[in-house]
Protein backbone atom coordinates (compact mmCIF):
# COMPACT_ATOMS: atom_id res chain seq x y z
CA UNK A 1 0.00 0.00 0.00
CA UNK A 2 1.01 3.55 -0.60
CA UNK A 3 -0.34 7.08 -0.26
CA UNK A 4 0.94 7.94 -3.74
CA UNK A 5 -1.66 7.90 -6.51
CA UNK A 6 -0.10 6.08 -9.48
CA UNK A 7 -1.94 5.81 -12.82
CA UNK A 8 -2.61 2.08 -12.43
CA UNK A 9 -2.94 2.09 -8.65
CA UNK A 10 -6.16 0.94 -7.00
CA UNK A 11 -7.80 3.44 -4.70
CA UNK A 12 -8.81 2.13 -1.27
CA UNK A 13 -12.10 3.79 -0.29
CA UNK A 14 -12.84 4.26 3.42
CA UNK A 15 -15.67 1.73 3.30
CA UNK A 16 -13.27 -0.98 2.04
CA UNK A 17 -11.61 -1.11 5.46
CA UNK A 18 -13.14 -3.93 7.51
CA UNK A 19 -10.78 -3.19 10.39
CA UNK A 20 -8.24 -0.41 10.87
CA UNK A 21 -7.79 2.16 8.16
CA UNK A 22 -5.71 5.05 6.95
CA UNK A 23 -5.83 8.72 7.88
CA UNK A 24 -4.59 9.48 4.37
CA UNK A 25 -6.03 8.25 1.07
CA UNK A 26 -4.43 4.86 0.41
CA UNK A 27 -3.75 3.01 -2.83
CA UNK A 28 -2.76 -0.53 -3.74
CA UNK A 29 0.11 -0.91 -6.19
CA UNK A 30 -0.65 -4.31 -7.76
CA UNK A 31 2.70 -4.44 -9.56
CA UNK A 32 4.62 -4.32 -6.26
CA UNK A 33 4.81 -7.71 -4.57
CA UNK A 34 6.63 -8.36 -1.32
CA UNK A 35 6.92 -11.09 1.26
CA UNK A 36 5.29 -10.69 4.64
CA UNK A 37 7.75 -10.58 7.52
CA UNK A 38 6.94 -11.81 11.03
CA UNK A 39 7.23 -8.24 12.36
CA UNK A 40 4.45 -7.18 9.98
CA UNK A 41 1.95 -9.20 12.01
CA UNK A 42 2.73 -7.12 15.11
CA UNK A 43 1.89 -3.78 13.50
CA UNK A 44 -0.99 -4.30 11.09
CA UNK A 45 -2.69 -1.35 9.45
CA UNK A 46 -5.99 -3.14 9.07
CA UNK A 47 -8.01 -5.52 6.97
CA UNK A 48 -9.54 -4.84 3.56
CA UNK A 49 -12.75 -6.12 2.04
CA UNK A 50 -12.35 -9.35 0.11
CA UNK A 51 -13.72 -7.80 -3.11
CA UNK A 52 -10.99 -5.14 -3.14
CA UNK A 53 -8.28 -7.72 -2.46
CA UNK A 54 -9.65 -9.86 -5.31
CA UNK A 55 -9.49 -6.84 -7.64
CA UNK A 56 -5.86 -6.24 -6.62
CA UNK A 57 -4.90 -9.88 -7.20
CA UNK A 58 -6.57 -9.86 -10.62
CA UNK A 59 -4.66 -6.67 -11.52
CA UNK A 60 -1.43 -8.33 -10.33
CA UNK A 61 -1.92 -11.03 -12.96
CA UNK A 62 -1.40 -8.36 -15.63
CA UNK A 63 2.20 -7.94 -14.40
CA UNK A 64 3.09 -11.63 -14.11
CA UNK A 65 4.28 -13.42 -17.25
CA UNK A 66 1.97 -16.23 -18.25
CA UNK A 67 3.58 -19.58 -18.97
CA UNK A 68 2.33 -22.64 -20.80
CA UNK A 69 2.52 -26.07 -19.28
C-alpha atoms as a PDB file:
ATOM      1  CA  UNK A   1       0.000   0.000   0.000  1.00  0.00           C
ATOM      2  CA  UNK A   2       1.013   3.553  -0.597  1.00  0.00           C
ATOM      3  CA  UNK A   3      -0.335   7.081  -0.255  1.00  0.00           C
ATOM      4  CA  UNK A   4       0.943   7.941  -3.745  1.00  0.00           C
ATOM      5  CA  UNK A   5      -1.655   7.904  -6.515  1.00  0.00           C
ATOM      6  CA  UNK A   6      -0.097   6.080  -9.476  1.00  0.00           C
ATOM      7  CA  UNK A   7      -1.942   5.812 -12.817  1.00  0.00           C
ATOM      8  CA  UNK A   8      -2.611   2.079 -12.430  1.00  0.00           C
ATOM      9  CA  UNK A   9      -2.940   2.089  -8.652  1.00  0.00           C
ATOM     10  CA  UNK A  10      -6.155   0.937  -7.001  1.00  0.00           C
ATOM     11  CA  UNK A  11      -7.801   3.445  -4.695  1.00  0.00           C
ATOM     12  CA  UNK A  12      -8.813   2.133  -1.269  1.00  0.00           C
ATOM     13  CA  UNK A  13     -12.098   3.786  -0.291  1.00  0.00           C
ATOM     14  CA  UNK A  14     -12.836   4.259   3.415  1.00  0.00           C
ATOM     15  CA  UNK A  15     -15.673   1.728   3.304  1.00  0.00           C
ATOM     16  CA  UNK A  16     -13.273  -0.980   2.036  1.00  0.00           C
ATOM     17  CA  UNK A  17     -11.613  -1.115   5.462  1.00  0.00           C
ATOM     18  CA  UNK A  18     -13.139  -3.930   7.507  1.00  0.00           C
ATOM     19  CA  UNK A  19     -10.783  -3.193  10.386  1.00  0.00           C
ATOM     20  CA  UNK A  20      -8.243  -0.414  10.868  1.00  0.00           C
ATOM     21  CA  UNK A  21      -7.785   2.163   8.163  1.00  0.00           C
ATOM     22  CA  UNK A  22      -5.705   5.050   6.946  1.00  0.00           C
ATOM     23  CA  UNK A  23      -5.832   8.722   7.885  1.00  0.00           C
ATOM     24  CA  UNK A  24      -4.593   9.479   4.368  1.00  0.00           C
ATOM     25  CA  UNK A  25      -6.034   8.251   1.073  1.00  0.00           C
ATOM     26  CA  UNK A  26      -4.435   4.858   0.411  1.00  0.00           C
ATOM     27  CA  UNK A  27      -3.747   3.006  -2.826  1.00  0.00           C
ATOM     28  CA  UNK A  28      -2.762  -0.533  -3.744  1.00  0.00           C
ATOM     29  CA  UNK A  29       0.110  -0.911  -6.193  1.00  0.00           C
ATOM     30  CA  UNK A  30      -0.654  -4.311  -7.756  1.00  0.00           C
ATOM     31  CA  UNK A  31       2.704  -4.435  -9.557  1.00  0.00           C
ATOM     32  CA  UNK A  32       4.617  -4.321  -6.257  1.00  0.00           C
ATOM     33  CA  UNK A  33       4.806  -7.715  -4.571  1.00  0.00           C
ATOM     34  CA  UNK A  34       6.627  -8.359  -1.322  1.00  0.00           C
ATOM     35  CA  UNK A  35       6.922 -11.086   1.264  1.00  0.00           C
ATOM     36  CA  UNK A  36       5.286 -10.689   4.644  1.00  0.00           C
ATOM     37  CA  UNK A  37       7.748 -10.577   7.522  1.00  0.00           C
ATOM     38  CA  UNK A  38       6.944 -11.806  11.034  1.00  0.00           C
ATOM     39  CA  UNK A  39       7.225  -8.244  12.360  1.00  0.00           C
ATOM     40  CA  UNK A  40       4.450  -7.175   9.982  1.00  0.00           C
ATOM     41  CA  UNK A  41       1.954  -9.195  12.005  1.00  0.00           C
ATOM     42  CA  UNK A  42       2.734  -7.123  15.115  1.00  0.00           C
ATOM     43  CA  UNK A  43       1.888  -3.779  13.501  1.00  0.00           C
ATOM     44  CA  UNK A  44      -0.994  -4.300  11.094  1.00  0.00           C
ATOM     45  CA  UNK A  45      -2.687  -1.346   9.451  1.00  0.00           C
ATOM     46  CA  UNK A  46      -5.987  -3.142   9.067  1.00  0.00           C
ATOM     47  CA  UNK A  47      -8.015  -5.525   6.967  1.00  0.00           C
ATOM     48  CA  UNK A  48      -9.538  -4.841   3.560  1.00  0.00           C
ATOM     49  CA  UNK A  49     -12.752  -6.123   2.035  1.00  0.00           C
ATOM     50  CA  UNK A  50     -12.353  -9.354   0.107  1.00  0.00           C
ATOM     51  CA  UNK A  51     -13.724  -7.805  -3.112  1.00  0.00           C
ATOM     52  CA  UNK A  52     -10.992  -5.138  -3.137  1.00  0.00           C
ATOM     53  CA  UNK A  53      -8.283  -7.719  -2.462  1.00  0.00           C
ATOM     54  CA  UNK A  54      -9.654  -9.856  -5.307  1.00  0.00           C
ATOM     55  CA  UNK A  55      -9.485  -6.844  -7.644  1.00  0.00           C
ATOM     56  CA  UNK A  56      -5.860  -6.240  -6.617  1.00  0.00           C
ATOM     57  CA  UNK A  57      -4.896  -9.880  -7.202  1.00  0.00           C
ATOM     58  CA  UNK A  58      -6.570  -9.864 -10.620  1.00  0.00           C
ATOM     59  CA  UNK A  59      -4.664  -6.674 -11.516  1.00  0.00           C
ATOM     60  CA  UNK A  60      -1.429  -8.329 -10.331  1.00  0.00           C
ATOM     61  CA  UNK A  61      -1.921 -11.034 -12.964  1.00  0.00           C
ATOM     62  CA  UNK A  62      -1.400  -8.355 -15.629  1.00  0.00           C
ATOM     63  CA  UNK A  63       2.201  -7.945 -14.397  1.00  0.00           C
ATOM     64  CA  UNK A  64       3.087 -11.630 -14.105  1.00  0.00           C
ATOM     65  CA  UNK A  65       4.284 -13.424 -17.253  1.00  0.00           C
ATOM     66  CA  UNK A  66       1.969 -16.232 -18.250  1.00  0.00           C
ATOM     67  CA  UNK A  67       3.579 -19.584 -18.968  1.00  0.00           C
ATOM     68  CA  UNK A  68       2.332 -22.638 -20.801  1.00  0.00           C
ATOM     69  CA  UNK A  69       2.516 -26.066 -19.283  1.00  0.00           C
END
